[in-house]
N, C-alpha and C. Protein backbone atom coordinates (compact mmCIF):
# COMPACT_ATOMS: atom_id res chain seq x y z
N UNK A 1 1.06 -1.37 0.12
CA UNK A 1 -0.22 0.20 -0.04
C UNK A 1 0.81 1.18 0.33
N UNK A 2 1.98 1.21 0.84
CA UNK A 2 2.83 2.68 1.29
C UNK A 2 3.30 2.42 0.10
N UNK A 3 3.91 1.24 -0.60
CA UNK A 3 4.89 1.17 -2.01
C UNK A 3 3.98 2.30 -3.02
N UNK A 4 3.45 1.28 -3.14
CA UNK A 4 1.52 2.09 -4.58
C UNK A 4 1.60 3.43 -4.46
N UNK A 5 1.37 4.15 -3.35
CA UNK A 5 1.12 5.25 -3.05
C UNK A 5 2.90 5.94 -3.23
N UNK A 6 3.77 5.48 -2.54
CA UNK A 6 5.49 6.27 -2.89
C UNK A 6 5.07 6.01 -4.78
N UNK A 7 5.09 5.14 -5.63
CA UNK A 7 5.02 4.71 -6.93
C UNK A 7 3.81 5.66 -7.92
N UNK A 8 3.09 6.14 -6.58
CA UNK A 8 1.90 6.51 -8.01
C UNK A 8 2.34 8.12 -8.33
N UNK A 9 3.02 8.65 -6.41
CA UNK A 9 3.48 9.92 -5.94
C UNK A 9 5.05 10.13 -6.97
N UNK A 10 5.20 8.96 -7.57
CA UNK A 10 6.63 9.76 -7.99
C UNK A 10 6.14 9.48 -9.71
N UNK A 11 5.34 8.45 -10.12
CA UNK A 11 5.11 8.95 -11.14
C UNK A 11 4.32 10.15 -12.19
N UNK A 12 3.34 10.80 -10.66
CA UNK A 12 3.10 11.68 -10.88
C UNK A 12 3.96 13.36 -11.33
N UNK A 13 4.79 13.02 -10.33
CA UNK A 13 5.85 13.92 -10.08
C UNK A 13 6.94 14.18 -11.58
N UNK A 14 7.11 12.98 -12.05
CA UNK A 14 7.69 12.89 -13.44
C UNK A 14 6.76 13.12 -14.05
N UNK A 15 5.93 13.03 -14.55
CA UNK A 15 4.45 13.70 -15.69
C UNK A 15 4.84 14.93 -15.31
N UNK A 16 4.95 15.60 -14.56
CA UNK A 16 4.89 17.32 -13.91
C UNK A 16 6.31 17.64 -14.29
N UNK A 17 7.14 17.18 -13.90
CA UNK A 17 8.16 17.92 -14.46
C UNK A 17 8.72 17.40 -15.79
N UNK A 18 8.04 16.13 -16.10
CA UNK A 18 7.96 16.38 -17.68
C UNK A 18 7.56 17.84 -18.18
N UNK A 19 6.08 17.72 -18.05
CA UNK A 19 4.93 19.09 -18.60
C UNK A 19 5.82 19.82 -18.55
N UNK A 20 6.25 20.40 -16.97
CA UNK A 20 7.24 21.62 -17.11
C UNK A 20 8.16 21.82 -18.34
N UNK A 21 8.63 20.77 -17.81
CA UNK A 21 10.10 21.09 -19.25
C UNK A 21 9.50 20.95 -20.66
N UNK A 22 8.46 20.32 -21.06
CA UNK A 22 8.09 20.33 -22.61
C UNK A 22 7.40 22.40 -22.38
N UNK A 23 7.05 22.14 -21.40
CA UNK A 23 6.58 23.97 -21.70
C UNK A 23 7.80 25.04 -21.94
N UNK A 24 8.77 24.63 -20.91
CA UNK A 24 9.94 25.43 -20.67
C UNK A 24 10.62 25.91 -22.57
N UNK A 25 10.54 24.41 -23.06
CA UNK A 25 11.50 24.12 -24.60
C UNK A 25 10.46 24.82 -24.98
N UNK A 26 9.32 24.41 -25.17
CA UNK A 26 8.46 25.16 -25.91
C UNK A 26 8.79 26.85 -25.69
N UNK A 27 8.67 27.52 -24.86
CA UNK A 27 8.38 28.94 -24.77
C UNK A 27 9.85 29.55 -25.50
N UNK A 28 10.76 28.51 -25.03
CA UNK A 28 12.31 28.48 -26.05
C UNK A 28 12.21 28.54 -27.10
N UNK A 29 11.74 28.00 -28.35
CA UNK A 29 11.08 27.75 -29.55
C UNK A 29 9.72 29.44 -29.42
N UNK A 30 9.49 29.72 -28.88
CA UNK A 30 8.34 30.46 -29.23
C UNK A 30 9.43 31.74 -29.52
N UNK A 31 9.79 31.53 -28.55
CA UNK A 31 10.78 33.33 -28.11
C UNK A 31 11.86 33.36 -29.11
N UNK A 32 12.35 32.22 -29.91
CA UNK A 32 13.44 32.26 -30.74
C UNK A 32 12.80 32.56 -31.65
N UNK A 33 11.20 32.34 -32.06
CA UNK A 33 10.64 32.68 -33.23
C UNK A 33 10.10 34.06 -33.22
N UNK A 34 9.83 34.31 -32.03
CA UNK A 34 9.55 36.25 -32.61
C UNK A 34 10.96 36.75 -32.55
N UNK A 35 12.19 36.42 -32.08
CA UNK A 35 13.03 37.17 -32.40
C UNK A 35 14.20 37.19 -33.49
N UNK A 36 13.64 36.05 -33.94
CA UNK A 36 14.44 35.66 -35.05
C UNK A 36 14.69 37.49 -36.38
N UNK A 37 13.36 36.84 -36.23
CA UNK A 37 13.10 38.21 -37.51
C UNK A 37 13.89 39.33 -37.53
N UNK A 38 14.29 39.39 -36.41
CA UNK A 38 14.84 41.37 -36.04
C UNK A 38 16.49 40.70 -35.54
N UNK A 39 16.45 39.84 -34.97
CA UNK A 39 18.11 39.26 -34.45
C UNK A 39 18.49 38.89 -35.37
N UNK A 40 18.02 37.98 -35.94
CA UNK A 40 18.45 37.10 -36.94
C UNK A 40 19.16 35.23 -36.23
N UNK A 41 19.47 34.65 -36.94
CA UNK A 41 19.69 33.20 -36.16
C UNK A 41 20.30 33.64 -34.45
N UNK A 42 21.30 34.29 -35.06
CA UNK A 42 22.86 34.47 -34.01
C UNK A 42 21.78 35.11 -32.33
N UNK A 43 21.43 35.97 -33.37
CA UNK A 43 21.01 37.41 -31.87
C UNK A 43 19.67 36.41 -31.31
N UNK A 44 19.02 35.40 -32.01
CA UNK A 44 18.44 35.11 -31.96
C UNK A 44 18.85 34.06 -30.99
N UNK A 45 19.53 32.67 -30.92
CA UNK A 45 19.90 32.25 -30.29
C UNK A 45 20.66 32.62 -29.12
N UNK A 46 21.36 34.07 -28.80
CA UNK A 46 22.40 34.61 -27.67
C UNK A 46 20.85 35.27 -26.86
N UNK A 47 19.63 35.32 -27.21
CA UNK A 47 18.60 35.81 -26.50
C UNK A 47 17.80 34.39 -25.58
N UNK A 48 18.06 33.38 -26.36
CA UNK A 48 17.51 32.26 -25.59
C UNK A 48 18.26 31.81 -24.80
N UNK A 49 19.37 31.87 -24.98
CA UNK A 49 20.59 31.51 -24.31
C UNK A 49 20.92 32.56 -22.82
N UNK A 50 20.50 33.92 -23.37
CA UNK A 50 20.41 34.61 -22.16
C UNK A 50 18.88 34.46 -20.64
N UNK A 51 17.57 34.04 -21.60
CA UNK A 51 16.77 33.96 -21.02
C UNK A 51 16.67 32.51 -20.21
N UNK A 52 17.29 31.67 -20.94
CA UNK A 52 17.52 29.60 -19.95
C UNK A 52 18.87 30.53 -18.79
N UNK A 53 19.68 31.30 -18.81
CA UNK A 53 20.50 31.78 -17.71
C UNK A 53 19.44 32.27 -16.63
N UNK A 54 19.09 32.84 -17.06
CA UNK A 54 17.86 34.27 -16.12
C UNK A 54 16.87 33.25 -15.58
N UNK A 55 16.71 32.01 -16.23
CA UNK A 55 15.57 31.26 -15.68
C UNK A 55 16.42 29.98 -14.61
N UNK A 56 17.50 29.89 -14.59
CA UNK A 56 18.40 29.00 -14.39
C UNK A 56 18.77 29.94 -12.42
N UNK A 57 18.92 31.37 -12.85
CA UNK A 57 19.38 32.37 -11.71
C UNK A 57 18.33 32.29 -10.75
N UNK A 58 16.75 32.41 -11.43
CA UNK A 58 15.36 32.50 -10.36
C UNK A 58 15.51 30.89 -9.75
N UNK A 59 15.58 30.32 -10.44
CA UNK A 59 15.24 28.69 -9.87
C UNK A 59 16.56 28.45 -8.87
N UNK A 60 17.41 29.14 -8.71
CA UNK A 60 18.70 28.73 -7.72
C UNK A 60 18.53 29.93 -6.71
N UNK A 61 17.94 30.70 -6.87
CA UNK A 61 17.87 31.90 -5.90
C UNK A 61 16.60 31.10 -5.37
N UNK A 62 15.38 30.85 -5.79
CA UNK A 62 14.21 30.44 -4.91
C UNK A 62 14.99 28.86 -3.89
N UNK A 63 15.51 28.08 -4.74
CA UNK A 63 16.19 26.75 -4.03
C UNK A 63 16.97 27.69 -2.56
N UNK A 64 18.06 28.50 -3.10
CA UNK A 64 18.68 28.99 -1.68
C UNK A 64 18.31 29.64 -0.72
N UNK A 65 16.50 30.51 -1.10
CA UNK A 65 15.52 31.01 -0.35
C UNK A 65 15.12 29.79 0.75
N UNK A 66 15.11 28.50 0.09
CA UNK A 66 14.15 27.72 0.53
C UNK A 66 15.43 27.14 1.88
N UNK A 67 16.53 26.98 1.29
CA UNK A 67 17.44 26.21 1.92
C UNK A 67 17.89 26.88 3.39
N UNK A 68 17.74 28.74 3.29
CA UNK A 68 17.72 29.25 4.30
C UNK A 68 17.27 29.28 5.31
N UNK A 69 15.86 29.14 4.74
CA UNK A 69 14.21 28.95 5.01
C UNK A 69 14.32 28.42 6.69
N UNK A 70 14.60 26.75 5.52
CA UNK A 70 15.38 25.16 6.59
C UNK A 70 15.93 25.21 7.31
N UNK A 71 17.27 25.96 6.97
CA UNK A 71 18.01 25.89 8.46
C UNK A 71 18.18 27.22 9.25
N UNK A 72 17.10 28.02 9.09
CA UNK A 72 16.94 28.72 10.72
C UNK A 72 16.22 27.80 11.16
N UNK A 73 15.09 27.29 10.38
CA UNK A 73 13.33 26.77 11.23
C UNK A 73 14.68 25.51 12.17
N UNK A 74 15.65 24.60 11.80
CA UNK A 74 15.93 23.87 12.22
C UNK A 74 16.67 24.48 13.25
N UNK A 75 17.40 25.18 13.38
CA UNK A 75 18.18 26.28 14.47
C UNK A 75 17.47 26.76 15.29
N UNK A 76 16.33 26.82 15.12
CA UNK A 76 15.83 27.75 15.75
C UNK A 76 14.82 26.24 16.85
N UNK A 77 14.24 24.93 16.15
CA UNK A 77 14.23 23.94 17.16
C UNK A 77 15.02 23.12 17.81
N UNK A 78 16.35 23.40 17.49
CA UNK A 78 17.42 23.05 18.17
C UNK A 78 17.30 23.97 19.70
N UNK A 79 17.62 25.48 19.30
CA UNK A 79 17.83 26.09 20.48
C UNK A 79 16.99 26.07 21.31
N UNK A 80 14.94 25.23 20.81
CA UNK A 80 14.46 25.13 21.83
C UNK A 80 14.45 23.74 22.12
N UNK A 81 15.51 23.17 22.17
CA UNK A 81 15.67 21.79 22.44
C UNK A 81 15.05 20.50 21.61
N UNK A 82 14.30 21.12 20.72
CA UNK A 82 13.54 20.35 20.14
C UNK A 82 14.23 19.37 18.71
N UNK A 83 15.36 19.59 18.53
CA UNK A 83 15.91 19.51 17.34
C UNK A 83 15.95 18.03 17.22
N UNK A 84 17.39 18.02 16.29
CA UNK A 84 17.32 16.51 15.78
C UNK A 84 19.20 16.26 15.94
N UNK A 85 19.48 16.83 17.36
CA UNK A 85 21.10 17.18 17.61
C UNK A 85 21.53 15.97 18.04
N UNK A 86 20.33 15.27 19.06
CA UNK A 86 20.51 14.07 19.64
C UNK A 86 20.02 12.81 18.99
N UNK A 87 19.59 13.05 17.37
CA UNK A 87 18.59 12.22 17.27
C UNK A 87 19.13 10.85 16.55
N UNK A 88 18.92 9.58 16.37
CA UNK A 88 19.61 9.49 16.07
C UNK A 88 19.36 9.03 14.12
N UNK A 89 20.63 8.39 13.70
CA UNK A 89 20.38 7.78 12.20
C UNK A 89 18.91 8.26 11.36
N UNK A 90 18.87 7.00 12.28
CA UNK A 90 17.20 6.67 11.32
C UNK A 90 15.97 7.46 11.58
N UNK A 91 15.75 8.55 12.48
CA UNK A 91 15.35 9.23 13.24
C UNK A 91 14.78 10.74 12.06
N UNK A 92 16.87 10.68 11.81
CA UNK A 92 17.24 12.07 11.28
C UNK A 92 16.56 11.71 9.33
N UNK A 93 16.77 9.92 8.93
CA UNK A 93 16.42 10.09 7.64
C UNK A 93 14.73 10.16 7.46
N UNK A 94 13.98 9.14 8.51
CA UNK A 94 12.51 9.40 8.84
C UNK A 94 12.42 10.79 8.56
N UNK A 95 12.63 11.94 8.81
CA UNK A 95 12.39 13.17 9.27
C UNK A 95 12.13 14.05 7.91
N UNK A 96 13.90 13.25 7.09
CA UNK A 96 13.61 13.93 5.83
C UNK A 96 12.25 13.37 4.37
N UNK A 97 12.76 12.23 5.03
CA UNK A 97 11.38 11.70 4.14
C UNK A 97 10.08 12.27 4.41
N UNK A 98 9.35 12.93 5.25
CA UNK A 98 8.10 13.03 5.78
C UNK A 98 8.66 14.86 5.45
N UNK A 99 9.16 15.18 5.33
CA UNK A 99 9.38 16.46 5.04
C UNK A 99 9.37 17.38 3.89
N UNK A 100 10.45 16.16 2.49
CA UNK A 100 10.60 15.82 1.14
C UNK A 100 10.69 14.80 0.70
N UNK A 101 9.51 14.58 0.65
CA UNK A 101 9.14 12.96 0.15
C UNK A 101 10.41 13.00 -1.32
N UNK A 102 10.21 14.36 -2.48
CA UNK A 102 10.28 14.31 -3.46
C UNK A 102 11.88 13.88 -3.99
N UNK A 103 12.37 14.49 -2.96
CA UNK A 103 14.05 14.48 -2.89
C UNK A 103 14.28 12.91 -2.35
N UNK A 104 13.45 12.56 -1.20
CA UNK A 104 13.98 11.26 -0.40
C UNK A 104 13.92 10.16 -2.50
N UNK A 105 12.65 10.26 -2.88
CA UNK A 105 12.35 8.95 -3.91
C UNK A 105 13.29 9.26 -4.73
N UNK A 106 13.69 10.65 -5.54
CA UNK A 106 15.05 10.68 -6.46
C UNK A 106 16.13 10.23 -5.47
N UNK A 107 16.78 10.45 -4.45
CA UNK A 107 18.02 10.13 -3.73
C UNK A 107 17.79 8.30 -4.08
N UNK A 108 16.58 7.83 -3.41
CA UNK A 108 16.46 6.12 -3.36
C UNK A 108 16.62 5.66 -4.69
N UNK A 109 15.37 6.14 -5.77
CA UNK A 109 16.18 6.15 -7.14
C UNK A 109 17.47 5.88 -7.28
N UNK A 110 18.44 6.50 -7.26
CA UNK A 110 19.41 7.48 -7.06
C UNK A 110 20.60 5.88 -6.01
N UNK A 111 19.96 6.04 -5.10
CA UNK A 111 20.98 5.12 -5.00
C UNK A 111 20.13 3.35 -5.17
N UNK A 112 19.44 3.12 -5.60
CA UNK A 112 19.11 2.20 -6.07
C UNK A 112 19.64 1.78 -8.08
N UNK A 113 19.56 3.13 -8.59
CA UNK A 113 20.75 3.20 -9.81
C UNK A 113 22.48 3.01 -9.22
N UNK A 114 22.44 3.52 -8.57
CA UNK A 114 23.96 3.05 -7.93
C UNK A 114 24.17 1.72 -7.88
N UNK A 115 23.18 1.35 -7.23
CA UNK A 115 23.64 -0.21 -6.51
C UNK A 115 23.54 -1.17 -7.42
N UNK A 116 22.83 -1.23 -8.50
CA UNK A 116 22.45 -2.36 -9.95
C UNK A 116 23.36 -2.46 -10.59
N UNK A 117 23.28 -0.87 -10.39
CA UNK A 117 25.59 -0.32 -11.58
C UNK A 117 26.76 -1.79 -10.03
N UNK A 118 26.85 -1.68 -9.36
CA UNK A 118 27.55 -2.15 -8.29
C UNK A 118 27.23 -3.25 -7.37
N UNK A 119 27.07 -4.31 -7.88
CA UNK A 119 26.99 -5.49 -7.48
C UNK A 119 27.46 -5.62 -5.92
N UNK A 120 28.29 -5.64 -5.51
CA UNK A 120 29.47 -5.47 -4.34
C UNK A 120 28.50 -4.54 -3.40
N UNK A 121 28.34 -3.51 -3.51
CA UNK A 121 27.27 -2.88 -3.11
C UNK A 121 26.28 -3.98 -2.24
N UNK A 122 25.76 -4.30 -3.00
CA UNK A 122 24.52 -5.13 -2.89
C UNK A 122 24.50 -5.86 -1.71
N UNK A 123 25.67 -7.34 -2.20
CA UNK A 123 26.25 -7.99 -1.44
C UNK A 123 26.92 -7.83 -0.66
N UNK A 124 27.80 -6.49 -0.11
CA UNK A 124 27.79 -5.75 1.35
C UNK A 124 26.95 -5.64 2.39
N UNK A 125 25.97 -5.36 1.66
CA UNK A 125 24.78 -4.47 2.55
C UNK A 125 24.08 -5.52 2.53
N UNK A 126 23.63 -6.62 2.08
CA UNK A 126 23.06 -8.29 2.75
C UNK A 126 24.12 -8.77 3.62
N UNK A 127 25.00 -9.69 2.94
CA UNK A 127 26.07 -9.43 4.28
C UNK A 127 25.92 -9.70 5.42
N UNK A 128 26.05 -7.98 5.15
CA UNK A 128 26.02 -6.71 6.74
C UNK A 128 24.65 -7.65 7.82
N UNK A 129 23.15 -7.14 6.97
CA UNK A 129 21.78 -8.16 7.39
C UNK A 129 21.66 -9.39 7.47
N UNK A 130 22.66 -10.15 6.79
CA UNK A 130 22.80 -11.38 7.56
C UNK A 130 23.22 -11.75 8.60
N UNK A 131 25.04 -10.95 8.72
CA UNK A 131 25.50 -11.16 9.97
C UNK A 131 24.98 -11.11 10.85
N UNK A 132 24.37 -9.46 11.08
CA UNK A 132 23.96 -9.21 12.15
C UNK A 132 22.30 -9.81 13.04
N UNK A 133 22.13 -10.50 12.64
CA UNK A 133 20.80 -10.99 12.76
C UNK A 133 21.15 -12.46 13.27
N UNK A 134 22.65 -13.33 12.96
CA UNK A 134 23.02 -13.84 13.83
C UNK A 134 23.32 -13.97 14.97
N UNK A 135 23.97 -13.23 15.46
CA UNK A 135 24.37 -12.42 16.56
C UNK A 135 23.48 -12.19 17.60
N UNK A 136 22.31 -11.90 17.39
CA UNK A 136 20.77 -11.64 18.68
C UNK A 136 20.59 -13.02 19.05
């Protein structure tokens, strides 16, 4: 049930990202077509590249602002004694998964791809779990 919801959310997020990327590319083609008659091909390409740079800067500034807000929030929580300073690794990971599900889903996919390309990692993890079970 949880896995199905996670996969559905991941598929939805992928569809939204694909739609946004397609929209941005279409907007850049439209911008190119609009400025090409007056600036020529090279000028229109430069305008599109500039617009892409401005878009990247705006996205970076928004991400930086959100990161700074998260840092302030965590510092405020730590100063009140409710922070994760003494929390264990599992609690910290669960907090990240709860606060940022898309980031954690992307990280899980990246780890999965890395693990599939590196079978030694999979065997080491399985060996670690199996060794731990026999000692209890």
